[in-house]
Amino acid sequence: MCQHVLPIIEHQGSGVVVSVGSIAGLRYIGKPQVEYAATKAAIIQWMKTTAVIYAPNDVRLNTFAPGLMDTPYTKYMISRYAADNQAERYMEMRQA
């Protein structure tokens, strides 16, 4: 997406690109999803590096990294990966 959008943003004089990362790209969150975590870490680092390159052109690039949200999917993941005595720990990690 950035390959196509950044030249347009540069041409118009300024702009912002926002991407979605994940807390999983910053630290281990207790789920064995190496590929997901690596992909999110790559997005975060790619945006940081590209932001430095395009900053002189008044182009901002940002990534927000939401943590674990209290959703039915999170509860499912807790039931799937946490031992019975770890469910509270998962919820604590979600809040950290």
PDB file of N, CA and C in Angstrom:
ATOM      1  N   MET A   1       0.825  -1.174   0.000  1.00  0.00           N
ATOM      2  CA  MET A   1       0.000   0.000   0.000  1.00  0.00           C
ATOM      3  C   MET A   1       0.874   1.245   0.000  1.00  0.00           C
ATOM      4  N   CYS A   2       1.875   1.271   0.875  1.00  0.00           N
ATOM      5  CA  CYS A   2       2.738   2.450   0.961  1.00  0.00           C
ATOM      6  C   CYS A   2       3.484   2.703  -0.338  1.00  0.00           C
ATOM      7  N   GLN A   3       3.842   1.663  -1.041  1.00  0.00           N
ATOM      8  CA  GLN A   3       4.551   1.823  -2.309  1.00  0.00           C
ATOM      9  C   GLN A   3       3.736   2.687  -3.269  1.00  0.00           C
ATOM     10  N   HIS A   4       2.423   2.555  -3.226  1.00  0.00           N
ATOM     11  CA  HIS A   4       1.558   3.305  -4.128  1.00  0.00           C
ATOM     12  C   HIS A   4       1.127   4.649  -3.536  1.00  0.00           C
ATOM     13  N   VAL A   5       0.977   4.708  -2.230  1.00  0.00           N
ATOM     14  CA  VAL A   5       0.435   5.901  -1.592  1.00  0.00           C
ATOM     15  C   VAL A   5       1.497   6.958  -1.295  1.00  0.00           C
ATOM     16  N   LEU A   6       2.681   6.536  -0.902  1.00  0.00           N
ATOM     17  CA  LEU A   6       3.700   7.519  -0.513  1.00  0.00           C
ATOM     18  C   LEU A   6       4.061   8.502  -1.629  1.00  0.00           C
ATOM     19  N   PRO A   7       4.197   8.076  -2.888  1.00  0.00           N
ATOM     20  CA  PRO A   7       4.453   9.075  -3.933  1.00  0.00           C
ATOM     21  C   PRO A   7       3.315  10.092  -4.068  1.00  0.00           C
ATOM     22  N   ILE A   8       2.096   9.657  -3.884  1.00  0.00           N
ATOM     23  CA  ILE A   8       0.949  10.567  -3.968  1.00  0.00           C
ATOM     24  C   ILE A   8       0.985  11.563  -2.803  1.00  0.00           C
ATOM     25  N   ILE A   9       1.252  11.058  -1.606  1.00  0.00           N
ATOM     26  CA  ILE A   9       1.329  11.928  -0.438  1.00  0.00           C
ATOM     27  C   ILE A   9       2.455  12.943  -0.606  1.00  0.00           C
ATOM     28  N   GLU A  10       3.610  12.497  -1.087  1.00  0.00           N
ATOM     29  CA  GLU A  10       4.724  13.420  -1.327  1.00  0.00           C
ATOM     30  C   GLU A  10       4.328  14.501  -2.327  1.00  0.00           C
ATOM     31  N   HIS A  11       3.656  14.097  -3.379  1.00  0.00           N
ATOM     32  CA  HIS A  11       3.245  15.047  -4.420  1.00  0.00           C
ATOM     33  C   HIS A  11       2.275  16.095  -3.878  1.00  0.00           C
ATOM     34  N   GLN A  12       1.381  15.683  -2.976  1.00  0.00           N
ATOM     35  CA  GLN A  12       0.414  16.645  -2.444  1.00  0.00           C
ATOM     36  C   GLN A  12       1.012  17.523  -1.343  1.00  0.00           C
ATOM     37  N   GLY A  13       2.204  17.189  -0.862  1.00  0.00           N
ATOM     38  CA  GLY A  13       2.903  18.068   0.061  1.00  0.00           C
ATOM     39  C   GLY A  13       2.975  17.615   1.501  1.00  0.00           C
ATOM     40  N   SER A  14       2.058  16.783   1.959  1.00  0.00           N
ATOM     41  CA  SER A  14       2.094  16.240   3.321  1.00  0.00           C
ATOM     42  C   SER A  14       1.030  15.171   3.447  1.00  0.00           C
ATOM     43  N   GLY A  15       1.103  14.423   4.544  1.00  0.00           N
ATOM     44  CA  GLY A  15       0.091  13.397   4.769  1.00  0.00           C
ATOM     45  C   GLY A  15       0.490  12.449   5.868  1.00  0.00           C
ATOM     46  N   VAL A  16      -0.400  11.517   6.123  1.00  0.00           N
ATOM     47  CA  VAL A  16      -0.214  10.567   7.211  1.00  0.00           C
ATOM     48  C   VAL A  16      -0.605   9.179   6.729  1.00  0.00           C
ATOM     49  N   VAL A  17       0.191   8.178   7.121  1.00  0.00           N
ATOM     50  CA  VAL A  17      -0.142   6.776   6.891  1.00  0.00           C
ATOM     51  C   VAL A  17      -0.217   6.122   8.259  1.00  0.00           C
ATOM     52  N   VAL A  18      -1.293   5.397   8.518  1.00  0.00           N
ATOM     53  CA  VAL A  18      -1.469   4.707   9.798  1.00  0.00           C
ATOM     54  C   VAL A  18      -1.635   3.220   9.523  1.00  0.00           C
ATOM     55  N   SER A  19      -0.890   2.408  10.255  1.00  0.00           N
ATOM     56  CA  SER A  19      -1.009   0.963  10.103  1.00  0.00           C
ATOM     57  C   SER A  19      -1.401   0.333  11.444  1.00  0.00           C
ATOM     58  N   VAL A  20      -1.843  -0.902  11.361  1.00  0.00           N
ATOM     59  CA  VAL A  20      -2.256  -1.630  12.552  1.00  0.00           C
ATOM     60  C   VAL A  20      -1.207  -2.667  12.889  1.00  0.00           C
ATOM     61  N   GLY A  21      -0.597  -2.516  14.048  1.00  0.00           N
ATOM     62  CA  GLY A  21       0.340  -3.505  14.556  1.00  0.00           C
ATOM     63  C   GLY A  21      -0.366  -4.338  15.613  1.00  0.00           C
ATOM     64  N   SER A  22       0.373  -4.776  16.591  1.00  0.00           N
ATOM     65  CA  SER A  22      -0.181  -5.542  17.696  1.00  0.00           C
ATOM     66  C   SER A  22       0.835  -5.552  18.821  1.00  0.00           C
ATOM     67  N   ILE A  23       0.347  -5.659  20.030  1.00  0.00           N
ATOM     68  CA  ILE A  23       1.241  -5.818  21.165  1.00  0.00           C
ATOM     69  C   ILE A  23       2.106  -7.070  20.977  1.00  0.00           C
ATOM     70  N   ALA A  24       1.589  -8.021  20.221  1.00  0.00           N
ATOM     71  CA  ALA A  24       2.343  -9.249  19.941  1.00  0.00           C
ATOM     72  C   ALA A  24       3.603  -8.964  19.131  1.00  0.00           C
ATOM     73  N   GLY A  25       3.657  -7.838  18.438  1.00  0.00           N
ATOM     74  CA  GLY A  25       4.849  -7.450  17.709  1.00  0.00           C
ATOM     75  C   GLY A  25       5.901  -6.804  18.580  1.00  0.00           C
ATOM     76  N   LEU A  26       5.532  -6.512  19.827  1.00  0.00           N
ATOM     77  CA  LEU A  26       6.446  -5.866  20.766  1.00  0.00           C
ATOM     78  C   LEU A  26       6.940  -6.792  21.862  1.00  0.00           C
ATOM     79  N   ARG A  27       6.111  -7.753  22.241  1.00  0.00           N
ATOM     80  CA  ARG A  27       6.497  -8.678  23.312  1.00  0.00           C
ATOM     81  C   ARG A  27       5.674  -9.957  23.197  1.00  0.00           C
ATOM     82  N   TYR A  28       6.147 -11.004  23.848  1.00  0.00           N
ATOM     83  CA  TYR A  28       5.428 -12.275  23.854  1.00  0.00           C
ATOM     84  C   TYR A  28       4.176 -12.132  24.720  1.00  0.00           C
ATOM     85  N   ILE A  29       3.040 -12.550  24.199  1.00  0.00           N
ATOM     86  CA  ILE A  29       1.791 -12.396  24.942  1.00  0.00           C
ATOM     87  C   ILE A  29       1.190 -13.727  25.372  1.00  0.00           C
ATOM     88  N   GLY A  30       1.972 -14.781  25.286  1.00  0.00           N
ATOM     89  CA  GLY A  30       1.518 -16.063  25.792  1.00  0.00           C
ATOM     90  C   GLY A  30       0.847 -16.956  24.774  1.00  0.00           C
ATOM     91  N   LYS A  31       0.835 -16.542  23.510  1.00  0.00           N
ATOM     92  CA  LYS A  31       0.250 -17.384  22.468  1.00  0.00           C
ATOM     93  C   LYS A  31       1.360 -17.844  21.537  1.00  0.00           C
ATOM     94  N   PRO A  32       1.392 -19.123  21.190  1.00  0.00           N
ATOM     95  CA  PRO A  32       2.445 -19.624  20.311  1.00  0.00           C
ATOM     96  C   PRO A  32       2.166 -19.312  18.841  1.00  0.00           C
ATOM     97  N   GLN A  33       2.179 -18.034  18.504  1.00  0.00           N
ATOM     98  CA  GLN A  33       1.907 -17.611  17.132  1.00  0.00           C
ATOM     99  C   GLN A  33       3.106 -16.835  16.607  1.00  0.00           C
ATOM    100  N   VAL A  34       4.178 -17.549  16.307  1.00  0.00           N
ATOM    101  CA  VAL A  34       5.433 -16.935  15.907  1.00  0.00           C
ATOM    102  C   VAL A  34       5.265 -16.111  14.631  1.00  0.00           C
ATOM    103  N   GLU A  35       4.570 -16.650  13.650  1.00  0.00           N
ATOM    104  CA  GLU A  35       4.411 -15.952  12.376  1.00  0.00           C
ATOM    105  C   GLU A  35       3.650 -14.647  12.554  1.00  0.00           C
ATOM    106  N   TYR A  36       2.579 -14.680  13.340  1.00  0.00           N
ATOM    107  CA  TYR A  36       1.787 -13.472  13.587  1.00  0.00           C
ATOM    108  C   TYR A  36       2.633 -12.413  14.273  1.00  0.00           C
ATOM    109  N   ALA A  37       3.351 -12.804  15.329  1.00  0.00           N
ATOM    110  CA  ALA A  37       4.186 -11.862  16.071  1.00  0.00           C
ATOM    111  C   ALA A  37       5.280 -11.283  15.183  1.00  0.00           C
ATOM    112  N   ALA A  38       5.912 -12.122  14.376  1.00  0.00           N
ATOM    113  CA  ALA A  38       6.981 -11.650  13.492  1.00  0.00           C
ATOM    114  C   ALA A  38       6.450 -10.678  12.445  1.00  0.00           C
ATOM    115  N   THR A  39       5.270 -10.961  11.913  1.00  0.00           N
ATOM    116  CA  THR A  39       4.670 -10.074  10.922  1.00  0.00           C
ATOM    117  C   THR A  39       4.340  -8.724  11.527  1.00  0.00           C
ATOM    118  N   LYS A  40       3.763  -8.728  12.719  1.00  0.00           N
ATOM    119  CA  LYS A  40       3.415  -7.466  13.376  1.00  0.00           C
ATOM    120  C   LYS A  40       4.666  -6.685  13.757  1.00  0.00           C
ATOM    121  N   ALA A  41       5.721  -7.378  14.192  1.00  0.00           N
ATOM    122  CA  ALA A  41       6.990  -6.704  14.496  1.00  0.00           C
ATOM    123  C   ALA A  41       7.574  -6.084  13.228  1.00  0.00           C
ATOM    124  N   ALA A  42       7.462  -6.787  12.117  1.00  0.00           N
ATOM    125  CA  ALA A  42       7.965  -6.271  10.843  1.00  0.00           C
ATOM    126  C   ALA A  42       7.206  -5.010  10.431  1.00  0.00           C
ATOM    127  N   ILE A  43       5.903  -4.999  10.600  1.00  0.00           N
ATOM    128  CA  ILE A  43       5.110  -3.815  10.265  1.00  0.00           C
ATOM    129  C   ILE A  43       5.556  -2.624  11.109  1.00  0.00           C
ATOM    130  N   ILE A  44       5.706  -2.860  12.403  1.00  0.00           N
ATOM    131  CA  ILE A  44       6.105  -1.779  13.305  1.00  0.00           C
ATOM    132  C   ILE A  44       7.471  -1.218  12.898  1.00  0.00           C
ATOM    133  N   GLN A  45       8.445  -2.074  12.657  1.00  0.00           N
ATOM    134  CA  GLN A  45       9.786  -1.612  12.298  1.00  0.00           C
ATOM    135  C   GLN A  45       9.811  -0.973  10.921  1.00  0.00           C
ATOM    136  N   TRP A  46       9.078  -1.530   9.980  1.00  0.00           N
ATOM    137  CA  TRP A  46       9.025  -0.955   8.636  1.00  0.00           C
ATOM    138  C   TRP A  46       8.476   0.466   8.691  1.00  0.00           C
ATOM    139  N   MET A  47       7.425   0.660   9.462  1.00  0.00           N
ATOM    140  CA  MET A  47       6.833   1.996   9.581  1.00  0.00           C
ATOM    141  C   MET A  47       7.784   2.963  10.278  1.00  0.00           C
ATOM    142  N   LYS A  48       8.497   2.512  11.307  1.00  0.00           N
ATOM    143  CA  LYS A  48       9.473   3.378  11.986  1.00  0.00           C
ATOM    144  C   LYS A  48      10.556   3.843  11.012  1.00  0.00           C
ATOM    145  N   THR A  49      11.116   2.902  10.277  1.00  0.00           N
ATOM    146  CA  THR A  49      12.196   3.223   9.345  1.00  0.00           C
ATOM    147  C   THR A  49      11.706   4.140   8.231  1.00  0.00           C
ATOM    148  N   THR A  50      10.563   3.820   7.678  1.00  0.00           N
ATOM    149  CA  THR A  50      10.010   4.624   6.592  1.00  0.00           C
ATOM    150  C   THR A  50       9.628   6.016   7.090  1.00  0.00           C
ATOM    151  N   ALA A  51       9.182   6.116   8.327  1.00  0.00           N
ATOM    152  CA  ALA A  51       8.842   7.422   8.907  1.00  0.00           C
ATOM    153  C   ALA A  51      10.062   8.335   8.951  1.00  0.00           C
ATOM    154  N   VAL A  52      11.210   7.782   9.303  1.00  0.00           N
ATOM    155  CA  VAL A  52      12.440   8.581   9.345  1.00  0.00           C
ATOM    156  C   VAL A  52      12.820   9.051   7.938  1.00  0.00           C
ATOM    157  N   ILE A  53      12.672   8.180   6.972  1.00  0.00           N
ATOM    158  CA  ILE A  53      13.018   8.521   5.591  1.00  0.00           C
ATOM    159  C   ILE A  53      12.124   9.629   5.053  1.00  0.00           C
ATOM    160  N   TYR A  54      10.832   9.562   5.349  1.00  0.00           N
ATOM    161  CA  TYR A  54       9.875  10.511   4.770  1.00  0.00           C
ATOM    162  C   TYR A  54       9.607  11.737   5.638  1.00  0.00           C
ATOM    163  N   ALA A  55      10.139  11.777   6.847  1.00  0.00           N
ATOM    164  CA  ALA A  55       9.901  12.920   7.741  1.00  0.00           C
ATOM    165  C   ALA A  55      10.287  14.263   7.112  1.00  0.00           C
ATOM    166  N   PRO A  56      11.410  14.376   6.414  1.00  0.00           N
ATOM    167  CA  PRO A  56      11.754  15.673   5.813  1.00  0.00           C
ATOM    168  C   PRO A  56      10.734  16.152   4.774  1.00  0.00           C
ATOM    169  N   ASN A  57       9.921  15.255   4.273  1.00  0.00           N
ATOM    170  CA  ASN A  57       8.911  15.610   3.268  1.00  0.00           C
ATOM    171  C   ASN A  57       7.546  15.875   3.881  1.00  0.00           C
ATOM    172  N   ASP A  58       7.493  16.028   5.205  1.00  0.00           N
ATOM    173  CA  ASP A  58       6.255  16.297   5.937  1.00  0.00           C
ATOM    174  C   ASP A  58       5.239  15.160   5.792  1.00  0.00           C
ATOM    175  N   VAL A  59       5.764  13.936   5.761  1.00  0.00           N
ATOM    176  CA  VAL A  59       4.922  12.745   5.713  1.00  0.00           C
ATOM    177  C   VAL A  59       5.136  11.994   7.023  1.00  0.00           C
ATOM    178  N   ARG A  60       4.045  11.710   7.721  1.00  0.00           N
ATOM    179  CA  ARG A  60       4.121  10.977   8.983  1.00  0.00           C
ATOM    180  C   ARG A  60       3.612   9.561   8.767  1.00  0.00           C
ATOM    181  N   LEU A  61       4.290   8.615   9.397  1.00  0.00           N
ATOM    182  CA  LEU A  61       3.854   7.221   9.384  1.00  0.00           C
ATOM    183  C   LEU A  61       3.773   6.752  10.823  1.00  0.00           C
ATOM    184  N   ASN A  62       2.647   6.202  11.197  1.00  0.00           N
ATOM    185  CA  ASN A  62       2.418   5.748  12.564  1.00  0.00           C
ATOM    186  C   ASN A  62       1.802   4.358  12.558  1.00  0.00           C
ATOM    187  N   THR A  63       2.101   3.627  13.617  1.00  0.00           N
ATOM    188  CA  THR A  63       1.501   2.318  13.828  1.00  0.00           C
ATOM    189  C   THR A  63       0.902   2.299  15.218  1.00  0.00           C
ATOM    190  N   PHE A  64      -0.332   1.881  15.325  1.00  0.00           N
ATOM    191  CA  PHE A  64      -0.879   1.672  16.662  1.00  0.00           C
ATOM    192  C   PHE A  64      -0.883   0.173  16.917  1.00  0.00           C
ATOM    193  N   ALA A  65      -0.628  -0.177  18.181  1.00  0.00           N
ATOM    194  CA  ALA A  65      -0.461  -1.581  18.546  1.00  0.00           C
ATOM    195  C   ALA A  65      -1.398  -1.921  19.698  1.00  0.00           C
ATOM    196  N   PRO A  66      -2.633  -2.294  19.376  1.00  0.00           N
ATOM    197  CA  PRO A  66      -3.559  -2.639  20.453  1.00  0.00           C
ATOM    198  C   PRO A  66      -3.139  -3.913  21.171  1.00  0.00           C
ATOM    199  N   GLY A  67      -3.457  -3.978  22.427  1.00  0.00           N
ATOM    200  CA  GLY A  67      -3.183  -5.168  23.221  1.00  0.00           C
ATOM    201  C   GLY A  67      -4.359  -6.125  23.156  1.00  0.00           C
ATOM    202  N   LEU A  68      -4.339  -7.092  24.023  1.00  0.00           N
ATOM    203  CA  LEU A  68      -5.435  -8.050  24.089  1.00  0.00           C
ATOM    204  C   LEU A  68      -6.687  -7.350  24.600  1.00  0.00           C
ATOM    205  N   MET A  69      -7.746  -7.464  23.873  1.00  0.00           N
ATOM    206  CA  MET A  69      -9.011  -6.838  24.247  1.00  0.00           C
ATOM    207  C   MET A  69      -9.904  -7.906  24.877  1.00  0.00           C
ATOM    208  N   ASP A  70     -10.820  -7.470  25.701  1.00  0.00           N
ATOM    209  CA  ASP A  70     -11.751  -8.389  26.352  1.00  0.00           C
ATOM    210  C   ASP A  70     -12.884  -8.706  25.376  1.00  0.00           C
ATOM    211  N   THR A  71     -12.647  -9.714  24.550  1.00  0.00           N
ATOM    212  CA  THR A  71     -13.612 -10.111  23.524  1.00  0.00           C
ATOM    213  C   THR A  71     -13.874 -11.608  23.626  1.00  0.00           C
ATOM    214  N   PRO A  72     -14.909 -12.104  22.979  1.00  0.00           N
ATOM    215  CA  PRO A  72     -15.125 -13.550  22.960  1.00  0.00           C
ATOM    216  C   PRO A  72     -13.931 -14.307  22.380  1.00  0.00           C
ATOM    217  N   TYR A  73     -13.252 -13.729  21.382  1.00  0.00           N
ATOM    218  CA  TYR A  73     -12.087 -14.395  20.811  1.00  0.00           C
ATOM    219  C   TYR A  73     -10.965 -14.515  21.842  1.00  0.00           C
ATOM    220  N   THR A  74     -10.727 -13.440  22.599  1.00  0.00           N
ATOM    221  CA  THR A  74      -9.691 -13.498  23.646  1.00  0.00           C
ATOM    222  C   THR A  74     -10.033 -14.569  24.667  1.00  0.00           C
ATOM    223  N   LYS A  75     -11.280 -14.642  25.056  1.00  0.00           N
ATOM    224  CA  LYS A  75     -11.696 -15.668  26.020  1.00  0.00           C
ATOM    225  C   LYS A  75     -11.500 -17.071  25.433  1.00  0.00           C
ATOM    226  N   TYR A  76     -11.766 -17.216  24.149  1.00  0.00           N
ATOM    227  CA  TYR A  76     -11.529 -18.501  23.492  1.00  0.00           C
ATOM    228  C   TYR A  76     -10.038 -18.843  23.518  1.00  0.00           C
ATOM    229  N   MET A  77      -9.188 -17.873  23.210  1.00  0.00           N
ATOM    230  CA  MET A  77      -7.746 -18.114  23.212  1.00  0.00           C
ATOM    231  C   MET A  77      -7.251 -18.469  24.613  1.00  0.00           C
ATOM    232  N   ILE A  78      -7.811 -17.833  25.622  1.00  0.00           N
ATOM    233  CA  ILE A  78      -7.444 -18.165  27.002  1.00  0.00           C
ATOM    234  C   ILE A  78      -7.811 -19.608  27.302  1.00  0.00           C
ATOM    235  N   SER A  79      -9.018 -19.990  26.913  1.00  0.00           N
ATOM    236  CA  SER A  79      -9.449 -21.365  27.190  1.00  0.00           C
ATOM    237  C   SER A  79      -8.617 -22.382  26.406  1.00  0.00           C
ATOM    238  N   ARG A  80      -8.107 -21.973  25.259  1.00  0.00           N
ATOM    239  CA  ARG A  80      -7.330 -22.885  24.428  1.00  0.00           C
ATOM    240  C   ARG A  80      -5.881 -23.023  24.900  1.00  0.00           C
ATOM    241  N   TYR A  81      -5.266 -21.920  25.315  1.00  0.00           N
ATOM    242  CA  TYR A  81      -3.835 -21.934  25.598  1.00  0.00           C
ATOM    243  C   TYR A  81      -3.463 -21.851  27.070  1.00  0.00           C
ATOM    244  N   ALA A  82      -4.350 -21.385  27.914  1.00  0.00           N
ATOM    245  CA  ALA A  82      -3.993 -21.221  29.325  1.00  0.00           C
ATOM    246  C   ALA A  82      -4.399 -22.448  30.120  1.00  0.00           C
ATOM    247  N   ALA A  83      -3.540 -22.819  31.035  1.00  0.00           N
ATOM    248  CA  ALA A  83      -3.924 -23.849  31.999  1.00  0.00           C
ATOM    249  C   ALA A  83      -4.986 -23.241  32.913  1.00  0.00           C
ATOM    250  N   ASP A  84      -5.740 -24.085  33.598  1.00  0.00           N
ATOM    251  CA  ASP A  84      -6.828 -23.595  34.433  1.00  0.00           C
ATOM    252  C   ASP A  84      -6.387 -22.511  35.407  1.00  0.00           C
ATOM    253  N   ASN A  85      -5.214 -22.655  35.949  1.00  0.00           N
ATOM    254  CA  ASN A  85      -4.759 -21.683  36.940  1.00  0.00           C
ATOM    255  C   ASN A  85      -4.112 -20.447  36.304  1.00  0.00           C
ATOM    256  N   GLN A  86      -4.071 -20.357  34.970  1.00  0.00           N
ATOM    257  CA  GLN A  86      -3.444 -19.214  34.313  1.00  0.00           C
ATOM    258  C   GLN A  86      -4.429 -18.238  33.693  1.00  0.00           C
ATOM    259  N   ALA A  87      -5.705 -18.515  33.758  1.00  0.00           N
ATOM    260  CA  ALA A  87      -6.687 -17.638  33.123  1.00  0.00           C
ATOM    261  C   ALA A  87      -6.594 -16.216  33.666  1.00  0.00           C
ATOM    262  N   GLU A  88      -6.419 -16.082  34.962  1.00  0.00           N
ATOM    263  CA  GLU A  88      -6.305 -14.743  35.548  1.00  0.00           C
ATOM    264  C   GLU A  88      -5.044 -14.043  35.054  1.00  0.00           C
ATOM    265  N   ARG A  89      -3.968 -14.796  34.877  1.00  0.00           N
ATOM    266  CA  ARG A  89      -2.713 -14.208  34.375  1.00  0.00           C
ATOM    267  C   ARG A  89      -2.912 -13.634  32.980  1.00  0.00           C
ATOM    268  N   TYR A  90      -3.635 -14.322  32.127  1.00  0.00           N
ATOM    269  CA  TYR A  90      -3.907 -13.804  30.796  1.00  0.00           C
ATOM    270  C   TYR A  90      -4.647 -12.482  30.872  1.00  0.00           C
ATOM    271  N   MET A  91      -5.614 -12.396  31.757  1.00  0.00           N
ATOM    272  CA  MET A  91      -6.373 -11.151  31.885  1.00  0.00           C
ATOM    273  C   MET A  91      -5.478 -10.041  32.445  1.00  0.00           C
ATOM    274  N   GLU A  92      -4.563 -10.387  33.341  1.00  0.00           N
ATOM    275  CA  GLU A  92      -3.607  -9.396  33.850  1.00  0.00           C
ATOM    276  C   GLU A  92      -2.680  -8.920  32.724  1.00  0.00           C
ATOM    277  N   MET A  93      -2.241  -9.847  31.887  1.00  0.00           N
ATOM    278  CA  MET A  93      -1.380  -9.479  30.753  1.00  0.00           C
ATOM    279  C   MET A  93      -2.131  -8.562  29.813  1.00  0.00           C
ATOM    280  N   ARG A  94      -3.409  -8.789  29.647  1.00  0.00           N
ATOM    281  CA  ARG A  94      -4.218  -7.964  28.772  1.00  0.00           C
ATOM    282  C   ARG A  94      -4.245  -6.534  29.258  1.00  0.00           C
ATOM    283  N   GLN A  95      -4.229  -6.359  30.562  1.00  0.00           N
ATOM    284  CA  GLN A  95      -4.334  -5.025  31.149  1.00  0.00           C
ATOM    285  C   GLN A  95      -2.987  -4.333  31.271  1.00  0.00           C
ATOM    286  N   ALA A  96      -1.889  -5.081  31.157  1.00  0.00           N
ATOM    287  CA  ALA A  96      -0.546  -4.490  31.341  1.00  0.00           C
ATOM    288  C   ALA A  96      -0.144  -3.619  30.175  1.00  0.00           C
TER     289      ALA A  96
END
